[in-house]
Structures are given as structure tokens and as C-alpha cells.
């Protein structure tokens, strides 16, 4: 099984959560989707800028939900453990 890229997982979660919380046509959701499809520094910066433009409450809700998704993704945690076996993982 191939190791999942944590950066892509983060931006995928951000795209999903921001689509639900801010709307699929929001600048943040579009920027996060662009970052998933084109993982370049410019796309990451644009997404960060869109996050910064949100009101504090909405930004906190979005980031809290993204954090919860990543915190609860056992496969992502397992794949990033430095000494984890590459086969026979528990999930």
C-alpha cells in the first residue's frame, strides 16, 4: 500500500470542510481544490490567504473540523510513524 501524502490529505479535507461550511463556490473551497489538483507553493499560499480573509469564527470552525478529520485518520498517522512496518498495518 502506498503512503498517503499528508499535505494532499490536509488540502483534501480543507476543500471538503470549506465547501460545507463556506459553500462550494467560496474562494476558500476553490483555492483548496486547486491546491489538491496543483500542489504548488503558489496554490498553498493562495489557500492560506483565503483562510486569512475569513471571519475568525468561520475559520476556527473549518480548521477545527479539518483537524478532527486528520486526528482521527488512523491510516495517515500510521503511515507517518518513522518505524512503522510498511506491510501488515492494523487498519
Protein backbone atom coordinates (compact mmCIF):
# COMPACT_ATOMS: atom_id res chain seq x y z
CA UNK A 1 0.00 0.00 0.00
CA UNK A 2 1.34 3.41 -0.97
CA UNK A 3 1.91 6.02 1.72
CA UNK A 4 -0.64 8.83 1.62
CA UNK A 5 0.72 12.34 1.32
CA UNK A 6 -0.23 14.32 4.45
CA UNK A 7 -0.22 17.61 2.53
CA UNK A 8 -2.70 16.29 -0.02
CA UNK A 9 -4.82 14.81 2.76
CA UNK A 10 -4.86 18.17 4.55
CA UNK A 11 -5.91 20.13 1.47
CA UNK A 12 -8.50 17.49 0.53
CA UNK A 13 -10.02 17.75 4.00
CA UNK A 14 -9.87 21.54 3.84
CA UNK A 15 -11.62 21.52 0.46
CA UNK A 16 -14.41 19.26 1.73
CA UNK A 17 -14.93 21.10 5.01
CA UNK A 18 -14.76 24.58 3.46
CA UNK A 19 -17.26 23.53 0.79
CA UNK A 20 -19.71 22.54 3.52
CA UNK A 21 -19.07 25.45 5.87
CA UNK A 22 -18.37 28.33 3.45
CA UNK A 23 -20.04 26.96 0.32
CA UNK A 24 -18.66 25.10 -2.70
CA UNK A 25 -18.25 28.30 -4.68
CA UNK A 26 -16.41 30.12 -1.90
CA UNK A 27 -12.95 31.40 -2.67
CA UNK A 28 -11.51 29.16 0.05
CA UNK A 29 -13.13 25.97 -1.28
CA UNK A 30 -11.94 26.78 -4.79
CA UNK A 31 -8.41 27.58 -3.59
CA UNK A 32 -8.24 24.36 -1.55
CA UNK A 33 -9.46 22.31 -4.51
CA UNK A 34 -6.83 23.98 -6.69
CA UNK A 35 -4.17 23.08 -4.10
CA UNK A 36 -5.26 19.42 -4.24
CA UNK A 37 -5.10 19.37 -8.05
CA UNK A 38 -1.95 21.52 -8.34
CA UNK A 39 0.12 21.08 -5.16
CA UNK A 40 2.38 24.06 -5.78
CA UNK A 41 3.65 26.68 -3.35
CA UNK A 42 1.54 29.32 -5.11
CA UNK A 43 -1.63 27.25 -4.61
CA UNK A 44 -0.79 26.71 -0.93
CA UNK A 45 -0.20 30.44 -0.39
CA UNK A 46 -3.46 31.32 -2.14
CA UNK A 47 -5.33 28.91 0.13
CA UNK A 48 -3.66 30.40 3.21
CA UNK A 49 -4.62 33.90 2.05
CA UNK A 50 -8.25 32.83 1.58
CA UNK A 51 -8.26 31.31 5.07
CA UNK A 52 -6.94 34.58 6.48
CA UNK A 53 -9.79 36.52 4.82
CA UNK A 54 -12.48 34.57 6.69
CA UNK A 55 -14.05 35.82 9.88
CA UNK A 56 -12.44 34.31 12.97
CA UNK A 57 -15.45 32.15 13.90
CA UNK A 58 -15.79 30.52 10.48
CA UNK A 59 -12.04 29.98 10.16
CA UNK A 60 -11.94 28.37 13.61
CA UNK A 61 -14.85 26.05 12.72
CA UNK A 62 -13.24 24.99 9.46
CA UNK A 63 -9.81 24.37 10.95
CA UNK A 64 -11.31 22.53 13.91
CA UNK A 65 -13.17 20.16 11.58
CA UNK A 66 -10.09 19.64 9.41
CA UNK A 67 -8.01 18.92 12.50
CA UNK A 68 -10.58 16.40 13.75
CA UNK A 69 -10.57 14.58 10.41
CA UNK A 70 -6.81 14.32 10.32
CA UNK A 71 -6.51 13.45 14.00
CA UNK A 72 -8.94 10.59 13.56
CA UNK A 73 -7.39 9.23 10.34
CA UNK A 74 -5.50 6.26 11.74
CA UNK A 75 -4.06 5.32 8.35
CA UNK A 76 -2.48 8.74 7.97
CA UNK A 77 -0.99 8.56 11.45
CA UNK A 78 0.30 5.01 10.89
CA UNK A 79 1.84 5.86 7.51
CA UNK A 80 3.81 8.71 9.05
CA UNK A 81 5.26 6.85 12.02
CA UNK A 82 9.02 6.68 11.47
CA UNK A 83 9.43 2.98 12.36
CA UNK A 84 6.04 1.63 11.33
CA UNK A 85 6.14 -1.54 9.24
CA UNK A 86 5.20 -0.98 5.62
CA UNK A 87 3.03 -4.09 5.49
CA UNK A 88 0.53 -5.55 7.87
CA UNK A 89 -0.59 -2.25 9.28
CA UNK A 90 -3.51 -2.56 11.67
CA UNK A 91 -6.01 -0.62 9.59
